[in-house]
Amino acid sequence: QLVESGGGLVQAGGSLRLSCAASGRFLSTYVIGWFRQAPGQEREFV
């Protein structure tokens, strides 16, 4: 299970710190990826 947090509204030039909290077994064997998707756009690797 994965839960993202940290998003919000920021002005251009600013900063944000996103977090992905994972739960489950054998998490050390996984790769964690960040992707984004804007309206009308394809999912993009970050």
All heavy atoms as atom14 arrays in JSON, in Angstrom:
{
  "sequence": "QLVESGGGLVQAGGSLRLSCAASGRFLSTYVIGWFRQAPGQEREFV",
  "atom14_mask": [
    [1, 1, 1, 1, 1, 1, 1, 1, 1, 0, 0, 0, 0, 0],
    [1, 1, 1, 1, 1, 1, 1, 1, 0, 0, 0, 0, 0, 0],
    [1, 1, 1, 1, 1, 1, 1, 0, 0, 0, 0, 0, 0, 0],
    [1, 1, 1, 1, 1, 1, 1, 1, 1, 0, 0, 0, 0, 0],
    [1, 1, 1, 1, 1, 1, 0, 0, 0, 0, 0, 0, 0, 0],
    [1, 1, 1, 1, 0, 0, 0, 0, 0, 0, 0, 0, 0, 0],
    [1, 1, 1, 1, 0, 0, 0, 0, 0, 0, 0, 0, 0, 0],
    [1, 1, 1, 1, 0, 0, 0, 0, 0, 0, 0, 0, 0, 0],
    [1, 1, 1, 1, 1, 1, 1, 1, 0, 0, 0, 0, 0, 0],
    [1, 1, 1, 1, 1, 1, 1, 0, 0, 0, 0, 0, 0, 0],
    [1, 1, 1, 1, 1, 1, 1, 1, 1, 0, 0, 0, 0, 0],
    [1, 1, 1, 1, 1, 0, 0, 0, 0, 0, 0, 0, 0, 0],
    [1, 1, 1, 1, 0, 0, 0, 0, 0, 0, 0, 0, 0, 0],
    [1, 1, 1, 1, 0, 0, 0, 0, 0, 0, 0, 0, 0, 0],
    [1, 1, 1, 1, 1, 1, 0, 0, 0, 0, 0, 0, 0, 0],
    [1, 1, 1, 1, 1, 1, 1, 1, 0, 0, 0, 0, 0, 0],
    [1, 1, 1, 1, 1, 1, 1, 1, 1, 1, 1, 0, 0, 0],
    [1, 1, 1, 1, 1, 1, 1, 1, 0, 0, 0, 0, 0, 0],
    [1, 1, 1, 1, 1, 1, 0, 0, 0, 0, 0, 0, 0, 0],
    [1, 1, 1, 1, 1, 1, 0, 0, 0, 0, 0, 0, 0, 0],
    [1, 1, 1, 1, 1, 0, 0, 0, 0, 0, 0, 0, 0, 0],
    [1, 1, 1, 1, 1, 0, 0, 0, 0, 0, 0, 0, 0, 0],
    [1, 1, 1, 1, 1, 1, 0, 0, 0, 0, 0, 0, 0, 0],
    [1, 1, 1, 1, 0, 0, 0, 0, 0, 0, 0, 0, 0, 0],
    [1, 1, 1, 1, 1, 1, 1, 1, 1, 1, 1, 0, 0, 0],
    [1, 1, 1, 1, 1, 1, 1, 1, 1, 1, 1, 0, 0, 0],
    [1, 1, 1, 1, 1, 1, 1, 1, 0, 0, 0, 0, 0, 0],
    [1, 1, 1, 1, 1, 1, 0, 0, 0, 0, 0, 0, 0, 0],
    [1, 1, 1, 1, 1, 1, 1, 0, 0, 0, 0, 0, 0, 0],
    [1, 1, 1, 1, 1, 1, 1, 1, 1, 1, 1, 1, 0, 0],
    [1, 1, 1, 1, 1, 1, 1, 0, 0, 0, 0, 0, 0, 0],
    [1, 1, 1, 1, 1, 1, 1, 1, 0, 0, 0, 0, 0, 0],
    [1, 1, 1, 1, 0, 0, 0, 0, 0, 0, 0, 0, 0, 0],
    [1, 1, 1, 1, 1, 1, 1, 1, 1, 1, 1, 1, 1, 1],
    [1, 1, 1, 1, 1, 1, 1, 1, 1, 1, 1, 0, 0, 0],
    [1, 1, 1, 1, 1, 1, 1, 1, 1, 1, 1, 0, 0, 0],
    [1, 1, 1, 1, 1, 1, 1, 1, 1, 0, 0, 0, 0, 0],
    [1, 1, 1, 1, 1, 0, 0, 0, 0, 0, 0, 0, 0, 0],
    [1, 1, 1, 1, 1, 1, 1, 0, 0, 0, 0, 0, 0, 0],
    [1, 1, 1, 1, 0, 0, 0, 0, 0, 0, 0, 0, 0, 0],
    [1, 1, 1, 1, 1, 1, 1, 1, 1, 0, 0, 0, 0, 0],
    [1, 1, 1, 1, 1, 1, 1, 1, 1, 0, 0, 0, 0, 0],
    [1, 1, 1, 1, 1, 1, 1, 1, 1, 1, 1, 0, 0, 0],
    [1, 1, 1, 1, 1, 1, 1, 1, 1, 0, 0, 0, 0, 0],
    [1, 1, 1, 1, 1, 1, 1, 1, 1, 1, 1, 0, 0, 0],
    [1, 1, 1, 1, 1, 1, 1, 0, 0, 0, 0, 0, 0, 0]
  ],
  "atom14_positions": [
    [[0.84, -1.19, 0.0], [0.0, 0.0, 0.0], [0.88, 1.24, 0.0], [1.89, 1.29, 0.7], [-0.94, 0.01, 1.2], [-2.0, -1.07, 1.15], [-2.94, -1.02, 2.33], [-2.5, -0.94, 3.48], [-4.23, -1.07, 2.05], [0.0, 0.0, 0.0], [0.0, 0.0, 0.0], [0.0, 0.0, 0.0], [0.0, 0.0, 0.0], [0.0, 0.0, 0.0]],
    [[0.48, 2.23, -0.77], [1.26, 3.44, -0.95], [0.38, 4.66, -0.73], [-0.73, 4.72, -1.23], [1.84, 3.49, -2.37], [2.7, 2.3, -2.8], [2.89, 2.31, -4.31], [4.04, 2.34, -2.09], [0.0, 0.0, 0.0], [0.0, 0.0, 0.0], [0.0, 0.0, 0.0], [0.0, 0.0, 0.0], [0.0, 0.0, 0.0], [0.0, 0.0, 0.0]],
    [[0.91, 5.63, 0.02], [0.19, 6.86, 0.29], [1.12, 8.03, 0.03], [2.17, 8.15, 0.66], [-0.33, 6.91, 1.74], [-1.06, 8.22, 1.99], [-1.25, 5.73, 2.02], [0.0, 0.0, 0.0], [0.0, 0.0, 0.0], [0.0, 0.0, 0.0], [0.0, 0.0, 0.0], [0.0, 0.0, 0.0], [0.0, 0.0, 0.0], [0.0, 0.0, 0.0]],
    [[0.71, 8.91, -0.89], [1.48, 10.11, -1.19], [0.99, 11.27, -0.33], [-0.18, 11.34, 0.03], [1.34, 10.5, -2.66], [1.73, 9.42, -3.65], [0.54, 8.61, -4.13], [-0.47, 8.54, -3.4], [0.62, 8.04, -5.23], [0.0, 0.0, 0.0], [0.0, 0.0, 0.0], [0.0, 0.0, 0.0], [0.0, 0.0, 0.0], [0.0, 0.0, 0.0]],
    [[1.9, 12.2, -0.05], [1.54, 13.41, 0.67], [2.52, 14.51, 0.29], [3.56, 14.26, -0.32], [1.55, 13.18, 2.19], [2.85, 12.83, 2.64], [0.0, 0.0, 0.0], [0.0, 0.0, 0.0], [0.0, 0.0, 0.0], [0.0, 0.0, 0.0], [0.0, 0.0, 0.0], [0.0, 0.0, 0.0], [0.0, 0.0, 0.0], [0.0, 0.0, 0.0]],
    [[2.18, 15.74, 0.65], [3.08, 16.86, 0.46], [2.74, 17.78, -0.69], [3.38, 18.83, -0.85], [0.0, 0.0, 0.0], [0.0, 0.0, 0.0], [0.0, 0.0, 0.0], [0.0, 0.0, 0.0], [0.0, 0.0, 0.0], [0.0, 0.0, 0.0], [0.0, 0.0, 0.0], [0.0, 0.0, 0.0], [0.0, 0.0, 0.0], [0.0, 0.0, 0.0]],
    [[1.75, 17.43, -1.49], [1.36, 18.29, -2.6], [0.68, 19.55, -2.12], [0.32, 19.69, -0.95], [0.0, 0.0, 0.0], [0.0, 0.0, 0.0], [0.0, 0.0, 0.0], [0.0, 0.0, 0.0], [0.0, 0.0, 0.0], [0.0, 0.0, 0.0], [0.0, 0.0, 0.0], [0.0, 0.0, 0.0], [0.0, 0.0, 0.0], [0.0, 0.0, 0.0]],
    [[0.5, 20.49, -3.03], [-0.15, 21.74, -2.69], [0.05, 22.77, -3.77], [0.47, 22.46, -4.89], [0.0, 0.0, 0.0], [0.0, 0.0, 0.0], [0.0, 0.0, 0.0], [0.0, 0.0, 0.0], [0.0, 0.0, 0.0], [0.0, 0.0, 0.0], [0.0, 0.0, 0.0], [0.0, 0.0, 0.0], [0.0, 0.0, 0.0], [0.0, 0.0, 0.0]],
    [[-0.25, 24.0, -3.41], [-0.12, 25.13, -4.32], [1.16, 25.9, -4.0], [1.41, 26.24, -2.84], [-1.33, 26.05, -4.19], [-1.32, 27.35, -4.99], [-1.32, 27.06, -6.48], [-2.51, 28.21, -4.6], [0.0, 0.0, 0.0], [0.0, 0.0, 0.0], [0.0, 0.0, 0.0], [0.0, 0.0, 0.0], [0.0, 0.0, 0.0], [0.0, 0.0, 0.0]],
    [[1.96, 26.17, -5.01], [3.21, 26.89, -4.82], [3.43, 27.81, -6.01], [2.99, 27.53, -7.13], [4.39, 25.9, -4.66], [4.58, 25.08, -5.93], [5.67, 26.61, -4.28], [0.0, 0.0, 0.0], [0.0, 0.0, 0.0], [0.0, 0.0, 0.0], [0.0, 0.0, 0.0], [0.0, 0.0, 0.0], [0.0, 0.0, 0.0], [0.0, 0.0, 0.0]],
    [[4.08, 28.93, -5.76], [4.4, 29.86, -6.84], [5.59, 29.37, -7.65], [6.43, 28.61, -7.15], [4.71, 31.25, -6.27], [3.52, 31.95, -5.66], [3.85, 33.36, -5.21], [5.01, 33.76, -5.17], [2.82, 34.12, -4.88], [0.0, 0.0, 0.0], [0.0, 0.0, 0.0], [0.0, 0.0, 0.0], [0.0, 0.0, 0.0], [0.0, 0.0, 0.0]],
    [[5.65, 29.78, -8.89], [6.78, 29.42, -9.75], [8.09, 29.8, -9.08], [8.22, 30.88, -8.51], [6.65, 30.1, -11.1], [0.0, 0.0, 0.0], [0.0, 0.0, 0.0], [0.0, 0.0, 0.0], [0.0, 0.0, 0.0], [0.0, 0.0, 0.0], [0.0, 0.0, 0.0], [0.0, 0.0, 0.0], [0.0, 0.0, 0.0], [0.0, 0.0, 0.0]],
    [[9.06, 28.91, -9.16], [10.35, 29.1, -8.51], [10.43, 28.54, -7.11], [11.53, 28.46, -6.54], [0.0, 0.0, 0.0], [0.0, 0.0, 0.0], [0.0, 0.0, 0.0], [0.0, 0.0, 0.0], [0.0, 0.0, 0.0], [0.0, 0.0, 0.0], [0.0, 0.0, 0.0], [0.0, 0.0, 0.0], [0.0, 0.0, 0.0], [0.0, 0.0, 0.0]],
    [[9.3, 28.13, -6.56], [9.26, 27.59, -5.21], [9.61, 26.12, -5.16], [9.99, 25.51, -6.15], [0.0, 0.0, 0.0], [0.0, 0.0, 0.0], [0.0, 0.0, 0.0], [0.0, 0.0, 0.0], [0.0, 0.0, 0.0], [0.0, 0.0, 0.0], [0.0, 0.0, 0.0], [0.0, 0.0, 0.0], [0.0, 0.0, 0.0], [0.0, 0.0, 0.0]],
    [[9.46, 25.56, -3.95], [9.83, 24.17, -3.71], [8.72, 23.42, -2.98], [7.92, 24.01, -2.26], [11.1, 24.1, -2.85], [12.19, 24.73, -3.49], [0.0, 0.0, 0.0], [0.0, 0.0, 0.0], [0.0, 0.0, 0.0], [0.0, 0.0, 0.0], [0.0, 0.0, 0.0], [0.0, 0.0, 0.0], [0.0, 0.0, 0.0], [0.0, 0.0, 0.0]],
    [[8.69, 22.12, -3.19], [7.81, 21.21, -2.47], [8.56, 19.91, -2.2], [9.42, 19.52, -2.99], [6.54, 20.9, -3.25], [5.43, 21.95, -3.29], [4.33, 21.48, -4.25], [4.85, 22.19, -1.91], [0.0, 0.0, 0.0], [0.0, 0.0, 0.0], [0.0, 0.0, 0.0], [0.0, 0.0, 0.0], [0.0, 0.0, 0.0], [0.0, 0.0, 0.0]],
    [[8.19, 19.26, -1.12], [8.75, 17.96, -0.78], [7.61, 16.96, -0.68], [6.78, 17.04, 0.23], [9.52, 18.02, 0.54], [10.32, 16.76, 0.88], [11.02, 16.93, 2.22], [11.85, 15.8, 2.59], [13.16, 15.7, 2.36], [13.8, 16.69, 1.74], [13.83, 14.63, 2.76], [0.0, 0.0, 0.0], [0.0, 0.0, 0.0], [0.0, 0.0, 0.0]],
    [[7.56, 16.03, -1.61], [6.55, 14.99, -1.61], [7.08, 13.76, -0.88], [8.28, 13.48, -0.89], [6.16, 14.59, -3.03], [5.73, 15.72, -3.97], [5.29, 15.13, -5.3], [4.61, 16.54, -3.35], [0.0, 0.0, 0.0], [0.0, 0.0, 0.0], [0.0, 0.0, 0.0], [0.0, 0.0, 0.0], [0.0, 0.0, 0.0], [0.0, 0.0, 0.0]],
    [[6.16, 13.02, -0.26], [6.53, 11.79, 0.43], [5.65, 10.65, -0.04], [4.46, 10.83, -0.28], [6.39, 11.95, 1.95], [7.33, 12.86, 2.46], [0.0, 0.0, 0.0], [0.0, 0.0, 0.0], [0.0, 0.0, 0.0], [0.0, 0.0, 0.0], [0.0, 0.0, 0.0], [0.0, 0.0, 0.0], [0.0, 0.0, 0.0], [0.0, 0.0, 0.0]],
    [[6.25, 9.47, -0.16], [5.53, 8.24, -0.46], [5.77, 7.28, 0.69], [6.91, 6.83, 0.89], [6.03, 7.65, -1.78], [5.31, 6.04, -2.19], [0.0, 0.0, 0.0], [0.0, 0.0, 0.0], [0.0, 0.0, 0.0], [0.0, 0.0, 0.0], [0.0, 0.0, 0.0], [0.0, 0.0, 0.0], [0.0, 0.0, 0.0], [0.0, 0.0, 0.0]],
    [[4.73, 6.99, 1.44], [4.81, 6.06, 2.56], [4.31, 4.7, 2.12], [3.17, 4.57, 1.65], [4.0, 6.58, 3.74], [0.0, 0.0, 0.0], [0.0, 0.0, 0.0], [0.0, 0.0, 0.0], [0.0, 0.0, 0.0], [0.0, 0.0, 0.0], [0.0, 0.0, 0.0], [0.0, 0.0, 0.0], [0.0, 0.0, 0.0], [0.0, 0.0, 0.0]],
    [[5.13, 3.68, 2.27], [4.81, 2.33, 1.83], [4.6, 1.4, 3.02], [5.28, 1.53, 4.05], [5.92, 1.77, 0.94], [0.0, 0.0, 0.0], [0.0, 0.0, 0.0], [0.0, 0.0, 0.0], [0.0, 0.0, 0.0], [0.0, 0.0, 0.0], [0.0, 0.0, 0.0], [0.0, 0.0, 0.0], [0.0, 0.0, 0.0], [0.0, 0.0, 0.0]],
    [[3.68, 0.47, 2.88], [3.47, -0.56, 3.88], [3.31, -1.91, 3.18], [2.77, -1.99, 2.08], [2.26, -0.26, 4.76], [1.07, -0.2, 3.98], [0.0, 0.0, 0.0], [0.0, 0.0, 0.0], [0.0, 0.0, 0.0], [0.0, 0.0, 0.0], [0.0, 0.0, 0.0], [0.0, 0.0, 0.0], [0.0, 0.0, 0.0], [0.0, 0.0, 0.0]],
    [[3.78, -2.96, 3.82], [3.74, -4.29, 3.25], [4.98, -5.06, 3.64], [5.82, -4.58, 4.4], [0.0, 0.0, 0.0], [0.0, 0.0, 0.0], [0.0, 0.0, 0.0], [0.0, 0.0, 0.0], [0.0, 0.0, 0.0], [0.0, 0.0, 0.0], [0.0, 0.0, 0.0], [0.0, 0.0, 0.0], [0.0, 0.0, 0.0], [0.0, 0.0, 0.0]],
    [[5.1, -6.27, 3.09], [6.23, -7.12, 3.41], [7.29, -7.05, 2.3], [6.97, -6.82, 1.13], [5.76, -8.56, 3.59], [4.7, -8.72, 4.67], [4.33, -10.17, 4.87], [5.38, -10.91, 5.55], [5.3, -12.19, 5.88], [4.21, -12.88, 5.59], [6.31, -12.79, 6.5], [0.0, 0.0, 0.0], [0.0, 0.0, 0.0], [0.0, 0.0, 0.0]],
    [[8.52, -7.25, 2.68], [9.65, -7.32, 1.77], [9.8, -6.05, 0.94], [10.12, -6.09, -0.24], [9.53, -8.54, 0.85], [9.32, -9.83, 1.57], [8.11, -10.5, 1.5], [10.33, -10.38, 2.34], [7.92, -11.7, 2.18], [10.15, -11.57, 3.02], [8.94, -12.23, 2.93], [0.0, 0.0, 0.0], [0.0, 0.0, 0.0], [0.0, 0.0, 0.0]],
    [[9.58, -4.92, 1.58], [9.67, -3.65, 0.87], [11.08, -3.38, 0.35], [11.23, -2.66, -0.64], [9.22, -2.5, 1.77], [7.74, -2.49, 2.13], [7.45, -1.33, 3.09], [6.88, -2.36, 0.88], [0.0, 0.0, 0.0], [0.0, 0.0, 0.0], [0.0, 0.0, 0.0], [0.0, 0.0, 0.0], [0.0, 0.0, 0.0], [0.0, 0.0, 0.0]],
    [[12.09, -3.94, 0.98], [13.46, -3.71, 0.54], [13.74, -4.28, -0.83], [14.73, -3.91, -1.47], [14.45, -4.27, 1.56], [14.34, -5.68, 1.65], [0.0, 0.0, 0.0], [0.0, 0.0, 0.0], [0.0, 0.0, 0.0], [0.0, 0.0, 0.0], [0.0, 0.0, 0.0], [0.0, 0.0, 0.0], [0.0, 0.0, 0.0], [0.0, 0.0, 0.0]],
    [[12.89, -5.16, -1.33], [13.07, -5.75, -2.66], [12.43, -4.93, -3.76], [12.56, -5.26, -4.94], [12.49, -7.17, -2.72], [11.06, -7.12, -2.6], [13.06, -8.04, -1.6], [0.0, 0.0, 0.0], [0.0, 0.0, 0.0], [0.0, 0.0, 0.0], [0.0, 0.0, 0.0], [0.0, 0.0, 0.0], [0.0, 0.0, 0.0], [0.0, 0.0, 0.0]],
    [[11.73, -3.86, -3.42], [10.98, -3.08, -4.39], [11.74, -1.84, -4.86], [12.57, -1.29, -4.15], [9.65, -2.62, -3.79], [8.59, -3.69, -3.72], [8.58, -4.61, -2.67], [7.61, -3.79, -4.7], [7.61, -5.59, -2.61], [6.64, -4.77, -4.64], [6.64, -5.67, -3.59], [5.67, -6.64, -3.53], [0.0, 0.0, 0.0], [0.0, 0.0, 0.0]],
    [[11.39, -1.43, -6.06], [11.73, -0.11, -6.57], [10.51, 0.79, -6.39], [9.38, 0.38, -6.67], [12.11, -0.16, -8.06], [12.29, 1.24, -8.63], [13.39, -0.98, -8.25], [0.0, 0.0, 0.0], [0.0, 0.0, 0.0], [0.0, 0.0, 0.0], [0.0, 0.0, 0.0], [0.0, 0.0, 0.0], [0.0, 0.0, 0.0], [0.0, 0.0, 0.0]],
    [[10.74, 2.0, -5.9], [9.68, 2.98, -5.75], [9.85, 4.04, -6.82], [10.91, 4.65, -6.93], [9.69, 3.63, -4.36], [9.57, 2.56, -3.26], [8.55, 4.64, -4.24], [8.28, 1.76, -3.31], [0.0, 0.0, 0.0], [0.0, 0.0, 0.0], [0.0, 0.0, 0.0], [0.0, 0.0, 0.0], [0.0, 0.0, 0.0], [0.0, 0.0, 0.0]],
    [[8.81, 4.25, -7.61], [8.85, 5.24, -8.68], [7.9, 6.39, -8.44], [6.88, 6.24, -7.76], [0.0, 0.0, 0.0], [0.0, 0.0, 0.0], [0.0, 0.0, 0.0], [0.0, 0.0, 0.0], [0.0, 0.0, 0.0], [0.0, 0.0, 0.0], [0.0, 0.0, 0.0], [0.0, 0.0, 0.0], [0.0, 0.0, 0.0], [0.0, 0.0, 0.0]],
    [[8.26, 7.54, -8.98], [7.39, 8.71, -9.0], [7.0, 9.01, -10.44], [7.86, 9.09, -11.33], [8.08, 9.94, -8.41], [8.15, 9.97, -6.92], [9.2, 9.65, -6.13], [7.09, 10.38, -6.03], [8.89, 9.82, -4.81], [7.6, 10.26, -4.72], [5.79, 10.82, -6.23], [6.83, 10.58, -3.6], [5.03, 11.13, -5.11], [5.55, 11.01, -3.82]],
    [[5.7, 9.16, -10.68], [5.16, 9.52, -11.98], [4.22, 10.7, -11.8], [3.73, 10.97, -10.71], [4.4, 8.34, -12.6], [5.28, 7.19, -13.0], [5.7, 6.27, -12.06], [5.69, 7.04, -14.31], [6.52, 5.21, -12.41], [6.5, 5.98, -14.69], [6.91, 5.07, -13.73], [0.0, 0.0, 0.0], [0.0, 0.0, 0.0], [0.0, 0.0, 0.0]],
    [[3.95, 11.4, -12.9], [2.98, 12.48, -12.85], [2.11, 12.46, -14.09], [2.51, 11.95, -15.14], [3.67, 13.84, -12.71], [4.43, 14.29, -13.95], [5.18, 15.58, -13.67], [5.75, 16.16, -14.88], [6.52, 17.23, -14.9], [6.83, 17.85, -13.76], [6.99, 17.7, -16.05], [0.0, 0.0, 0.0], [0.0, 0.0, 0.0], [0.0, 0.0, 0.0]],
    [[0.92, 13.02, -13.95], [0.0, 13.08, -15.07], [-0.8, 14.38, -15.0], [-1.5, 14.61, -14.02], [-0.94, 11.88, -15.1], [-1.77, 11.78, -16.36], [-2.4, 10.41, -16.54], [-2.58, 9.67, -15.57], [-2.74, 10.07, -17.77], [0.0, 0.0, 0.0], [0.0, 0.0, 0.0], [0.0, 0.0, 0.0], [0.0, 0.0, 0.0], [0.0, 0.0, 0.0]],
    [[-0.67, 15.19, -16.03], [-1.44, 16.42, -16.15], [-2.69, 16.14, -16.98], [-2.73, 15.18, -17.76], [-0.6, 17.5, -16.81], [0.0, 0.0, 0.0], [0.0, 0.0, 0.0], [0.0, 0.0, 0.0], [0.0, 0.0, 0.0], [0.0, 0.0, 0.0], [0.0, 0.0, 0.0], [0.0, 0.0, 0.0], [0.0, 0.0, 0.0], [0.0, 0.0, 0.0]],
    [[-3.74, 16.95, -16.84], [-4.97, 16.73, -17.61], [-4.7, 16.67, -19.11], [-4.01, 17.53, -19.67], [-5.83, 17.95, -17.25], [-5.36, 18.34, -15.89], [-3.87, 18.08, -15.9], [0.0, 0.0, 0.0], [0.0, 0.0, 0.0], [0.0, 0.0, 0.0], [0.0, 0.0, 0.0], [0.0, 0.0, 0.0], [0.0, 0.0, 0.0], [0.0, 0.0, 0.0]],
    [[-5.21, 15.64, -19.76], [-5.04, 15.48, -21.19], [-3.67, 14.98, -21.61], [-3.42, 14.87, -22.82], [0.0, 0.0, 0.0], [0.0, 0.0, 0.0], [0.0, 0.0, 0.0], [0.0, 0.0, 0.0], [0.0, 0.0, 0.0], [0.0, 0.0, 0.0], [0.0, 0.0, 0.0], [0.0, 0.0, 0.0], [0.0, 0.0, 0.0], [0.0, 0.0, 0.0]],
    [[-2.81, 14.67, -20.67], [-1.45, 14.23, -20.98], [-1.24, 12.77, -20.57], [-1.98, 12.23, -19.75], [-0.43, 15.11, -20.27], [-0.54, 16.59, -20.6], [-0.23, 16.88, -22.06], [0.72, 16.34, -22.62], [-1.05, 17.71, -22.67], [0.0, 0.0, 0.0], [0.0, 0.0, 0.0], [0.0, 0.0, 0.0], [0.0, 0.0, 0.0], [0.0, 0.0, 0.0]],
    [[-0.22, 12.17, -21.15], [0.15, 10.81, -20.77], [0.9, 10.83, -19.44], [1.5, 11.83, -19.06], [1.02, 10.18, -21.85], [0.34, 9.99, -23.19], [-0.79, 8.99, -23.11], [-0.63, 7.94, -22.46], [-1.86, 9.26, -23.69], [0.0, 0.0, 0.0], [0.0, 0.0, 0.0], [0.0, 0.0, 0.0], [0.0, 0.0, 0.0], [0.0, 0.0, 0.0]],
    [[0.87, 9.7, -18.76], [1.63, 9.56, -17.54], [3.13, 9.67, -17.84], [3.62, 9.07, -18.81], [1.32, 8.22, -16.88], [1.74, 8.13, -15.41], [1.53, 6.72, -14.87], [0.17, 6.27, -15.05], [-0.79, 6.35, -14.15], [-0.53, 6.88, -12.96], [-2.01, 5.9, -14.41], [0.0, 0.0, 0.0], [0.0, 0.0, 0.0], [0.0, 0.0, 0.0]],
    [[3.85, 10.42, -17.02], [5.24, 10.74, -17.29], [6.13, 10.3, -16.13], [5.81, 10.56, -14.97], [5.38, 12.25, -17.52], [6.78, 12.72, -17.88], [6.81, 14.22, -18.13], [6.03, 14.94, -17.47], [7.61, 14.66, -18.97], [0.0, 0.0, 0.0], [0.0, 0.0, 0.0], [0.0, 0.0, 0.0], [0.0, 0.0, 0.0], [0.0, 0.0, 0.0]],
    [[7.23, 9.66, -16.45], [8.18, 9.24, -15.43], [8.93, 10.44, -14.86], [9.4, 11.31, -15.6], [9.19, 8.25, -16.02], [10.32, 7.91, -15.08], [10.1, 7.13, -13.96], [11.6, 8.38, -15.32], [11.13, 6.82, -13.09], [12.63, 8.08, -14.46], [12.39, 7.3, -13.34], [0.0, 0.0, 0.0], [0.0, 0.0, 0.0], [0.0, 0.0, 0.0]],
    [[9.05, 10.47, -13.53], [9.74, 11.56, -12.84], [11.04, 11.08, -12.2], [12.11, 11.62, -12.47], [8.84, 12.21, -11.77], [9.59, 13.31, -11.03], [7.57, 12.77, -12.42], [0.0, 0.0, 0.0], [0.0, 0.0, 0.0], [0.0, 0.0, 0.0], [0.0, 0.0, 0.0], [0.0, 0.0, 0.0], [0.0, 0.0, 0.0], [0.0, 0.0, 0.0]]
  ]
}
